[in-house]
Protein backbone atom coordinates (compact mmCIF):
# COMPACT_ATOMS: atom_id res chain seq x y z
CA UNK A 1 24.03 25.70 -79.16
CA UNK A 2 20.59 27.15 -79.92
CA UNK A 3 18.44 28.30 -77.01
CA UNK A 4 14.87 29.43 -76.52
CA UNK A 5 14.52 31.93 -73.70
CA UNK A 6 11.03 32.37 -72.25
CA UNK A 7 9.61 33.45 -68.92
CA UNK A 8 6.31 31.59 -69.12
CA UNK A 9 4.76 28.69 -70.98
CA UNK A 10 0.97 28.47 -71.31
CA UNK A 11 -1.18 26.13 -73.36
CA UNK A 12 -3.07 27.52 -76.38
CA UNK A 13 -6.43 26.61 -74.86
CA UNK A 14 -5.62 28.01 -71.39
CA UNK A 15 -7.04 31.35 -70.37
CA UNK A 16 -4.87 34.24 -69.30
CA UNK A 17 -5.56 33.43 -65.65
CA UNK A 18 -5.18 29.67 -66.06
CA UNK A 19 -2.23 27.52 -65.02
CA UNK A 20 1.14 28.19 -66.49
CA UNK A 21 4.73 27.19 -66.23
CA UNK A 22 7.09 29.99 -65.27
CA UNK A 23 10.83 30.06 -65.08
CA UNK A 24 12.28 32.74 -62.81
CA UNK A 25 15.63 34.50 -63.12
CA UNK A 26 17.35 31.81 -61.02
CA UNK A 27 16.16 29.10 -63.33
CA UNK A 28 13.59 27.76 -60.87
CA UNK A 29 10.67 25.93 -62.45
CA UNK A 30 7.17 26.86 -61.18
CA UNK A 31 4.07 25.08 -62.46
CA UNK A 32 0.61 26.44 -61.57
CA UNK A 33 1.84 28.83 -58.87
CA UNK A 34 3.52 26.25 -56.69
CA UNK A 35 1.57 23.09 -57.50
CA UNK A 36 4.94 21.80 -58.63
CA UNK A 37 8.06 23.84 -57.93
CA UNK A 38 11.65 22.95 -58.77
CA UNK A 39 14.32 24.89 -56.89
CA UNK A 40 17.32 24.60 -59.23
CA UNK A 41 19.60 26.52 -56.88
CA UNK A 42 19.12 24.19 -53.84
CA UNK A 43 18.09 21.13 -55.84
CA UNK A 44 14.71 20.81 -54.13
CA UNK A 45 11.20 19.94 -55.30
CA UNK A 46 8.09 21.41 -53.75
CA UNK A 47 4.53 20.07 -54.12
CA UNK A 48 2.00 22.76 -53.17
CA UNK A 49 5.04 24.50 -51.80
CA UNK A 50 6.94 27.27 -53.65
CA UNK A 51 9.69 27.55 -51.03
CA UNK A 52 10.70 23.92 -50.46
CA UNK A 53 12.95 23.35 -47.46
CA UNK A 54 13.70 19.70 -48.19
CA UNK A 55 14.72 17.64 -51.21
CA UNK A 56 11.01 16.81 -51.52
CA UNK A 57 8.72 19.17 -49.63
CA UNK A 58 5.00 18.33 -49.78
CA UNK A 59 2.31 20.58 -48.31
CA UNK A 60 -0.88 18.59 -47.81
CA UNK A 61 -1.58 14.88 -47.85
CA UNK A 62 0.38 12.37 -49.88
CA UNK A 63 -0.42 8.88 -51.09
CA UNK A 64 2.10 6.13 -51.77
CA UNK A 65 0.75 2.87 -53.16
CA UNK A 66 4.05 1.07 -52.79
CA UNK A 67 6.36 0.75 -49.82
CA UNK A 68 8.19 3.68 -48.23
CA UNK A 69 11.77 3.02 -47.29
CA UNK A 70 13.86 5.37 -45.17
CA UNK A 71 17.31 5.02 -43.71
CA UNK A 72 16.87 8.09 -41.51
CA UNK A 73 14.47 9.14 -38.78
CA UNK A 74 10.84 10.16 -39.04
CA UNK A 75 9.75 13.59 -37.82
CA UNK A 76 6.02 14.20 -37.28
CA UNK A 77 4.37 17.59 -37.50
CA UNK A 78 3.26 17.27 -33.90
CA UNK A 79 6.84 16.91 -32.72
CA UNK A 80 9.52 14.27 -32.54
CA UNK A 81 7.97 12.65 -29.49
CA UNK A 82 9.66 11.97 -26.17
CA UNK A 83 11.95 9.13 -25.25
CA UNK A 84 10.06 5.86 -25.07
CA UNK A 85 7.07 6.96 -27.19
CA UNK A 86 6.01 5.42 -30.49
CA UNK A 87 4.58 6.93 -33.71
CA UNK A 88 1.22 5.22 -33.90
CA UNK A 89 -1.40 5.04 -36.69
CA UNK A 90 -4.99 5.83 -35.69
CA UNK A 91 -6.57 3.63 -38.37
CA UNK A 92 -7.98 6.65 -40.22
CA UNK A 93 -4.84 7.82 -41.97
CA UNK A 94 -3.42 9.82 -39.06
CA UNK A 95 -0.35 9.24 -36.93
CA UNK A 96 0.63 10.55 -33.51
CA UNK A 97 3.17 9.95 -30.78
CA UNK A 98 1.84 7.62 -28.06
CA UNK A 99 3.33 6.08 -24.90
CA UNK A 100 5.04 2.77 -25.50
CA UNK A 101 3.08 -0.34 -24.44
CA UNK A 102 3.38 -1.04 -20.70
CA UNK A 103 5.38 -4.06 -19.63
CA UNK A 104 3.24 -5.87 -17.09
CA UNK A 105 4.68 -6.70 -13.66
CA UNK A 106 5.49 -10.36 -13.16
CA UNK A 107 2.52 -12.67 -12.80
CA UNK A 108 2.07 -15.83 -10.73
CA UNK A 109 -0.60 -17.82 -8.95
CA UNK A 110 -0.60 -15.14 -6.27
CA UNK A 111 -1.83 -12.51 -8.73
CA UNK A 112 -4.92 -14.49 -9.78
CA UNK A 113 -7.87 -12.12 -9.46
CA UNK A 114 -5.62 -9.08 -9.03
CA UNK A 115 -6.02 -5.82 -10.94
CA UNK A 116 -3.33 -3.59 -12.39
CA UNK A 117 -2.90 -0.31 -10.52
CA UNK A 118 -0.52 2.65 -10.85
CA UNK A 119 0.83 5.05 -8.27
CA UNK A 120 1.54 7.59 -11.04
CA UNK A 121 4.96 6.29 -11.99
CA UNK A 122 4.91 2.53 -11.45
CA UNK A 123 2.39 -0.17 -12.34
CA UNK A 124 1.79 -2.97 -9.85
CA UNK A 125 -0.70 -5.75 -9.08
CA UNK A 126 -3.26 -5.27 -6.37
CA UNK A 127 -6.67 -6.61 -5.50
CA UNK A 128 -10.15 -5.03 -5.70
CA UNK A 129 -10.25 -1.78 -3.78
CA UNK A 130 -13.06 -0.45 -1.62
CA UNK A 131 -13.84 3.32 -1.75
CA UNK A 132 -11.20 3.88 0.96
CA UNK A 133 -8.70 1.60 -0.70
CA UNK A 134 -8.96 -1.41 1.58
CA UNK A 135 -8.02 -4.47 -0.43
CA UNK A 136 -10.30 -7.49 -0.71
CA UNK A 137 -9.15 -10.86 -2.00
CA UNK A 138 -10.21 -14.44 -1.36
CA UNK A 139 -6.60 -15.65 -1.09
CA UNK A 140 -6.20 -14.76 2.57
CA UNK A 141 -2.57 -15.72 3.18
CA UNK A 142 -1.20 -13.70 0.25
CA UNK A 143 -3.74 -10.87 0.13
CA UNK A 144 -1.30 -8.66 2.00
CA UNK A 145 2.43 -8.41 1.58
CA UNK A 146 3.47 -6.93 4.92
CA UNK A 147 6.83 -5.22 4.53
CA UNK A 148 6.88 -2.79 7.47
CA UNK A 149 4.96 -1.84 10.56
CA UNK A 150 4.50 0.76 13.27
CA UNK A 151 4.60 0.73 17.06
CA UNK A 152 2.74 3.61 18.72
CA UNK A 153 2.28 4.94 22.23
CA UNK A 154 3.16 2.89 25.28
CA UNK A 155 4.71 4.15 28.50
CA UNK A 156 7.65 4.05 30.89
CA UNK A 157 7.57 4.93 34.60
CA UNK A 158 4.02 6.36 34.38
CA UNK A 159 4.92 8.53 31.37
CA UNK A 160 2.81 7.78 28.28
CA UNK A 161 4.17 8.46 24.79
CA UNK A 162 2.80 10.04 21.60
CA UNK A 163 5.59 9.01 19.29
CA UNK A 164 5.47 6.34 16.56
CA UNK A 165 8.31 4.18 15.25
CA UNK A 166 8.36 2.53 11.83
CA UNK A 167 10.09 -0.84 11.50
CA UNK A 168 11.37 -1.96 8.09
CA UNK A 169 11.15 -5.74 7.96
CA UNK A 170 13.67 -6.29 5.17
CA UNK A 171 16.57 -5.05 7.30
CA UNK A 172 15.19 -5.12 10.88
CA UNK A 173 15.55 -1.39 11.48
CA UNK A 174 13.30 1.00 13.39
CA UNK A 175 13.09 4.77 12.93
CA UNK A 176 11.35 7.32 15.14
CA UNK A 177 8.70 9.26 13.18
CA UNK A 178 7.95 11.68 16.01
CA UNK A 179 4.68 12.40 17.78
CA UNK A 180 2.13 11.19 15.23
CA UNK A 181 -0.47 10.42 17.91
CA UNK A 182 -2.67 13.39 18.73
CA UNK A 183 -2.76 12.27 22.39
CA UNK A 184 -0.44 10.14 24.48
CA UNK A 185 -1.37 6.55 25.23
CA UNK A 186 -0.12 4.22 27.96
CA UNK A 187 -2.16 0.97 27.93
CA UNK A 188 -3.47 1.11 24.38
CA UNK A 189 -4.52 -1.18 21.57
CA UNK A 190 -5.15 -0.65 17.88
CA UNK A 191 -6.10 -1.77 14.40
CA UNK A 192 -5.20 -0.91 10.83
CA UNK A 193 -6.68 -0.92 7.36
CA UNK A 194 -4.47 -0.75 4.31
CA UNK A 195 -3.82 2.97 4.61
CA UNK A 196 -4.77 4.17 8.08
CA UNK A 197 -3.80 3.07 11.60
CA UNK A 198 -6.04 3.56 14.65
CA UNK A 199 -4.88 3.65 18.26
CA UNK A 200 -7.62 3.08 20.84
CA UNK A 201 -7.35 4.58 24.33
CA UNK A 202 -5.23 7.70 23.75
CA UNK A 203 -6.02 9.25 27.13
CA UNK A 204 -3.06 11.62 27.67
CA UNK A 205 -2.45 10.06 31.08
CA UNK A 206 -0.95 6.98 32.66
CA UNK A 207 -3.40 4.10 33.11
CA UNK A 208 -6.38 6.35 32.41
CA UNK A 209 -9.53 5.29 30.62
CA UNK A 210 -11.02 7.02 27.58
CA UNK A 211 -13.13 6.43 24.48
CA UNK A 212 -10.73 8.42 22.31
CA UNK A 213 -9.16 7.00 19.15
CA UNK A 214 -6.23 8.63 17.34
CA UNK A 215 -5.20 7.84 13.76
CA UNK A 216 -2.27 8.32 11.42
CA UNK A 217 -1.70 7.72 7.72
CA UNK A 218 0.60 4.75 7.11
CA UNK A 219 1.38 5.74 3.50
CA UNK A 220 2.85 9.18 4.22
CA UNK A 221 3.50 8.91 7.99
CA UNK A 222 1.32 11.87 8.93
CA UNK A 223 -1.05 12.39 11.83
CA UNK A 224 -4.80 12.36 11.18
CA UNK A 225 -5.72 13.56 14.66
CA UNK A 226 -8.98 12.34 16.19
CA UNK A 227 -12.54 11.98 14.95
CA UNK A 228 -15.66 11.31 16.95
CA UNK A 229 -16.80 8.60 14.55
CA UNK A 230 -13.66 6.56 15.40
CA UNK A 231 -14.15 6.68 19.18
CA UNK A 232 -15.16 3.65 21.21
CA UNK A 233 -18.62 3.69 22.77
CA UNK A 234 -17.29 3.02 26.29
CA UNK A 235 -14.08 4.07 28.04
CA UNK A 236 -11.39 1.42 28.14
CA UNK A 237 -7.87 0.75 29.42
CA UNK A 238 -5.70 -1.98 27.86
CA UNK A 239 -8.48 -3.78 26.02
CA UNK A 240 -8.15 -6.65 23.55
CA UNK A 241 -8.60 -6.17 19.82
CA UNK A 242 -8.96 -8.65 16.98
CA UNK A 243 -9.74 -7.80 13.39
CA UNK A 244 -10.88 -9.50 10.23
CA UNK A 245 -8.88 -8.11 7.35
CA UNK A 246 -11.31 -8.98 4.55
CA UNK A 247 -13.77 -11.80 5.09
CA UNK A 248 -16.40 -9.87 7.04
CA UNK A 249 -15.94 -6.39 5.66
CA UNK A 250 -12.68 -5.38 7.31
CA UNK A 251 -13.83 -4.79 10.89
CA UNK A 252 -11.98 -4.54 14.19
CA UNK A 253 -13.62 -5.76 17.40
CA UNK A 254 -12.65 -4.23 20.74
CA UNK A 255 -13.57 -5.66 24.12
CA UNK A 256 -12.38 -5.78 27.70
CA UNK A 257 -10.33 -3.02 29.22
CA UNK A 258 -13.05 -2.17 31.75
CA UNK A 259 -16.14 -3.18 29.78
CA UNK A 260 -17.47 -6.46 28.40
CA UNK A 261 -19.18 -4.66 25.50
CA UNK A 262 -17.80 -5.57 22.07
CA UNK A 263 -17.29 -2.46 19.97
CA UNK A 264 -17.27 -2.89 16.20
CA UNK A 265 -15.08 -0.53 14.16
CA UNK A 266 -15.71 -0.66 10.41
CA UNK A 267 -12.34 0.11 8.86
CA UNK A 268 -13.82 0.69 5.41
CA UNK A 269 -16.34 3.37 6.44
CA UNK A 270 -14.21 4.49 9.41
CA UNK A 271 -17.18 4.38 11.77
CA UNK A 272 -17.66 2.81 15.18
CA UNK A 273 -21.03 1.09 15.58
CA UNK A 274 -23.28 2.88 18.08
CA UNK A 275 -25.90 0.14 18.27
CA UNK A 276 -26.59 -3.44 17.30
CA UNK A 277 -23.45 -4.56 19.08
CA UNK A 278 -22.17 -8.13 18.97
CA UNK A 279 -22.64 -10.10 22.20
CA UNK A 280 -20.69 -9.06 25.26
CA UNK A 281 -17.42 -10.77 25.99
CA UNK A 282 -17.32 -13.11 28.97
CA UNK A 283 -14.87 -10.87 30.84
CA UNK A 284 -14.69 -7.09 30.72
CA UNK A 285 -11.67 -6.57 32.97
CA UNK A 286 -8.54 -4.56 32.24
CA UNK A 287 -5.37 -5.97 30.65
CA UNK A 288 -6.52 -8.46 28.01
CA UNK A 289 -4.82 -10.15 25.06
CA UNK A 290 -6.16 -10.75 21.54
CA UNK A 291 -5.00 -12.52 18.36
CA UNK A 292 -6.39 -12.43 14.79
CA UNK A 293 -7.02 -15.52 12.67
CA UNK A 294 -8.52 -16.03 9.23
CA UNK A 295 -12.00 -16.98 10.44
CA UNK A 296 -12.05 -15.84 14.04
CA UNK A 297 -10.32 -13.82 16.73
CA UNK A 298 -9.03 -15.07 20.09
CA UNK A 299 -9.46 -13.43 23.51
CA UNK A 300 -7.65 -14.24 26.75
CA UNK A 301 -7.76 -12.64 30.15
CA UNK A 302 -7.18 -14.44 33.43
CA UNK A 303 -9.57 -17.42 33.48
CA UNK A 304 -11.61 -16.27 30.46
CA UNK A 305 -10.67 -17.72 27.08
CA UNK A 306 -12.94 -17.23 24.06
CA UNK A 307 -12.98 -17.27 20.28
CA UNK A 308 -15.01 -14.82 18.21
CA UNK A 309 -16.31 -15.91 14.76
CA UNK A 310 -16.27 -13.20 12.06
CA UNK A 311 -19.16 -14.67 10.08
CA UNK A 312 -21.65 -14.80 12.96
CA UNK A 313 -20.12 -12.29 15.39
CA UNK A 314 -20.53 -14.74 18.26
CA UNK A 315 -18.27 -15.93 21.06
CA UNK A 316 -17.45 -19.53 21.97
CA UNK A 317 -15.33 -20.95 24.78
CA UNK A 318 -11.67 -21.69 24.03
CA UNK A 319 -10.57 -24.91 25.62
CA UNK A 320 -6.87 -25.61 25.98
CA UNK A 321 -5.89 -21.93 25.63
CA UNK A 322 -2.42 -20.60 26.52
CA UNK A 323 -1.93 -19.53 30.10
CA UNK A 324 -1.80 -15.77 29.51
CA UNK A 325 -3.64 -13.69 32.09
CA UNK A 326 -3.84 -10.77 29.64
CA UNK A 327 -0.55 -9.19 30.64
CA UNK A 328 1.24 -11.60 28.32
CA UNK A 329 0.24 -10.52 24.81
CA UNK A 330 -0.45 -12.20 21.45
CA UNK A 331 1.29 -12.18 18.06
CA UNK A 332 -0.73 -12.39 14.82
CA UNK A 333 0.28 -14.07 11.55
CA UNK A 334 -1.27 -14.49 8.10
CA UNK A 335 -0.49 -18.19 8.48
CA UNK A 336 -2.76 -20.87 9.90
CA UNK A 337 -1.57 -20.17 13.43
CA UNK A 338 -1.07 -17.47 16.03
CA UNK A 339 1.07 -17.01 19.15
CA UNK A 340 0.30 -16.00 22.73
CA UNK A 341 2.36 -15.81 25.91
CA UNK A 342 1.80 -18.64 28.38
CA UNK A 343 1.60 -16.44 31.45
CA UNK A 344 1.49 -12.91 32.73
CA UNK A 345 4.33 -10.50 33.34
CA UNK A 346 7.76 -12.09 33.32
CA UNK A 347 6.94 -15.23 31.40
CA UNK A 348 9.42 -16.73 28.94
CA UNK A 349 7.23 -19.11 26.90
CA UNK A 350 5.38 -18.37 23.66
CA UNK A 351 2.60 -20.79 22.69
CA UNK A 352 1.85 -21.52 19.03
CA UNK A 353 -1.80 -22.46 18.44
CA UNK A 354 -4.07 -23.28 15.51
CA UNK A 355 -5.77 -20.01 14.54
CA UNK A 356 -8.98 -21.79 13.51
CA UNK A 357 -9.42 -24.46 16.19
CA UNK A 358 -7.45 -22.89 19.02
CA UNK A 359 -5.54 -26.11 19.68
CA UNK A 360 -1.98 -25.71 20.93
CA UNK A 361 0.69 -26.77 18.43
CA UNK A 362 4.02 -26.13 20.15
CA UNK A 363 5.91 -23.79 22.44
CA UNK A 364 9.36 -22.21 22.56
CA UNK A 365 11.36 -19.80 24.65
CA UNK A 366 11.48 -16.03 24.27
CA UNK A 367 12.67 -13.19 26.46
CA UNK A 368 11.25 -13.25 30.00
CA UNK A 369 8.72 -10.44 29.95
CA UNK A 370 5.11 -9.26 29.69
CA UNK A 371 3.19 -6.31 28.16
CA UNK A 372 4.87 -7.09 24.84
CA UNK A 373 4.57 -4.82 21.81
CA UNK A 374 4.08 -7.55 19.18
CA UNK A 375 4.08 -6.59 15.48
CA UNK A 376 3.09 -8.92 12.63
CA UNK A 377 5.23 -9.36 9.52
CA UNK A 378 4.99 -11.66 6.51
CA UNK A 379 7.36 -14.44 7.58
CA UNK A 380 8.32 -13.17 11.02
CA UNK A 381 6.98 -11.10 13.88
CA UNK A 382 8.61 -8.64 16.25
CA UNK A 383 8.50 -7.78 19.91
CA UNK A 384 9.43 -4.08 19.97
CA UNK A 385 9.82 -3.34 23.66
CA UNK A 386 8.24 -5.01 26.71
CA UNK A 387 8.26 -5.12 30.51
CA UNK A 388 10.86 -7.27 32.27
CA UNK A 389 10.74 -5.52 35.63
CA UNK A 390 11.16 -2.21 33.82
CA UNK A 391 9.71 -0.86 30.59
CA UNK A 392 12.39 -1.14 27.89
CA UNK A 393 13.12 -1.13 24.15
CA UNK A 394 14.43 -4.71 24.02
CA UNK A 395 13.58 -6.18 20.65
CA UNK A 396 13.48 -9.71 19.27
CA UNK A 397 11.98 -11.34 16.20
CA UNK A 398 10.03 -14.58 15.89
CA UNK A 399 10.53 -16.75 12.79
CA UNK A 400 7.10 -18.14 11.91
CA UNK A 401 8.50 -21.14 10.05
CA UNK A 402 11.12 -22.32 12.54
CA UNK A 403 9.42 -21.12 15.76
CA UNK A 404 12.58 -19.52 17.04
CA UNK A 405 13.27 -16.14 18.61
CA UNK A 406 16.32 -14.00 17.93
CA UNK A 407 17.33 -10.94 19.97
CA UNK A 408 18.10 -7.85 17.88
CA UNK A 409 20.37 -4.90 18.54
CA UNK A 410 19.91 -1.16 18.74
CA UNK A 411 19.11 -0.73 15.05
CA UNK A 412 15.86 -2.66 15.46
CA UNK A 413 14.84 -1.13 18.78
CA UNK A 414 12.24 1.67 19.00
CA UNK A 415 13.67 5.13 19.47
CA UNK A 416 12.62 8.52 20.82
CA UNK A 417 12.35 7.40 24.46
CA UNK A 418 14.17 5.11 26.90
CA UNK A 419 11.63 2.29 26.90
CA UNK A 420 7.99 1.34 26.50
CA UNK A 421 5.49 -1.43 27.04
CA UNK A 422 1.74 -1.86 26.38
CA UNK A 423 2.00 0.05 23.09
CA UNK A 424 -0.03 -0.75 19.99
CA UNK A 425 1.25 -2.08 16.68
CA UNK A 426 0.14 -1.75 13.06
CA UNK A 427 1.32 -3.83 10.10
CA UNK A 428 1.50 -2.22 6.67
CA UNK A 429 1.55 -3.47 3.10
CA UNK A 430 3.90 -2.21 0.41
CA UNK A 431 1.14 -0.67 -1.71
CA UNK A 432 3.60 1.09 -4.04
CA UNK A 433 5.88 -1.90 -4.56
CA UNK A 434 5.79 -2.98 -8.22
CA UNK A 435 6.17 -6.54 -7.07
CA UNK A 436 3.24 -6.29 -4.68
CA UNK A 437 1.01 -9.33 -4.76
CA UNK A 438 3.43 -11.26 -6.95
CA UNK A 439 5.87 -12.95 -4.62
CA UNK A 440 5.71 -12.72 -0.83
CA UNK A 441 9.07 -11.50 0.52
CA UNK A 442 11.34 -13.91 2.32
CA UNK A 443 11.35 -11.56 5.32
């Protein structure tokens, strides 16, 4: 067979330095110094590439007017991406690896008006946040999903405590977190925003009076110490507190405990008002009880019974109030009602009353006690220690829907001491729960 052996092919009209076709000793075909290169040894074609590494190796951009079909994977020059990412077009001819679209948490009527928030790993529904993260939402009953709470301070046999217990409402268990209070507190009261808890009256002594307020972080269970801007304006001992969670700017009102002045603690700015106080309460004595409602708070001590309206910051008399003298405490709910003991120490009746009108609804039996450490939950409340002739850790829960009380065992009881009464309690939302705001838990 005849053959023509050449090393290069060049057109007659092409200059010496113009494009040419060369054939090297291996039989590889090279047109215009790599514009088109055929590697006959490895059976590869290069475009703008004289050392092709693939069957078709293109350096530069490529255009395909028809469809591109592949039965294998696609590797991008900026990497193969990580698990769960997608190769995404930018609309200008480029492609890059991007996170896969987020699957939204479940939605329901309870998430109306909510915003999507992330804790860095999980997306969840929440409501509009203030600068300090306190949640605001017009749907009062479902604006918080309370899943756990804290009981802080208290005393036994003239010994005040600094420790804090956390109670998990899904399984009725309490765990000692240690001494999160900067100072011990015997007859104390408190409030909470969505992130921080405040304990009023941490006096480091039994039955002492003080203006001091201690705080801890409810999201990471760490002490925040004290701060002068949190302190009450007058010294108190076993005052009453009631707080509006959202309708009037998230404020806690403190009265009684040795002074009739009504202190106002703004939980958003974390400041205690130093002037322009609401009206004085009708009774400033020690050992008072308070309950929160949607539109007003409720105060009871001895013969004084009053409501306090959030919108106007004014008191009104409370006719037909429970019989608590202030030693028997109150239990909050996010329902349309609240609870308060019907007497002082060693009383066994809990009164259910309308949290807007104050009218009594019903009553039922609970453990015979006073100085209860009541903690609010979503569908139930807890008494985490009380006084029944001796300070103790006896614990029971109140079912808001059946108005029944059930005694609980050692797993639910506070720990770290051998008993306490007159402590303060703080309820906490599950702010990192990806179902938050979607469906209120059954517990």
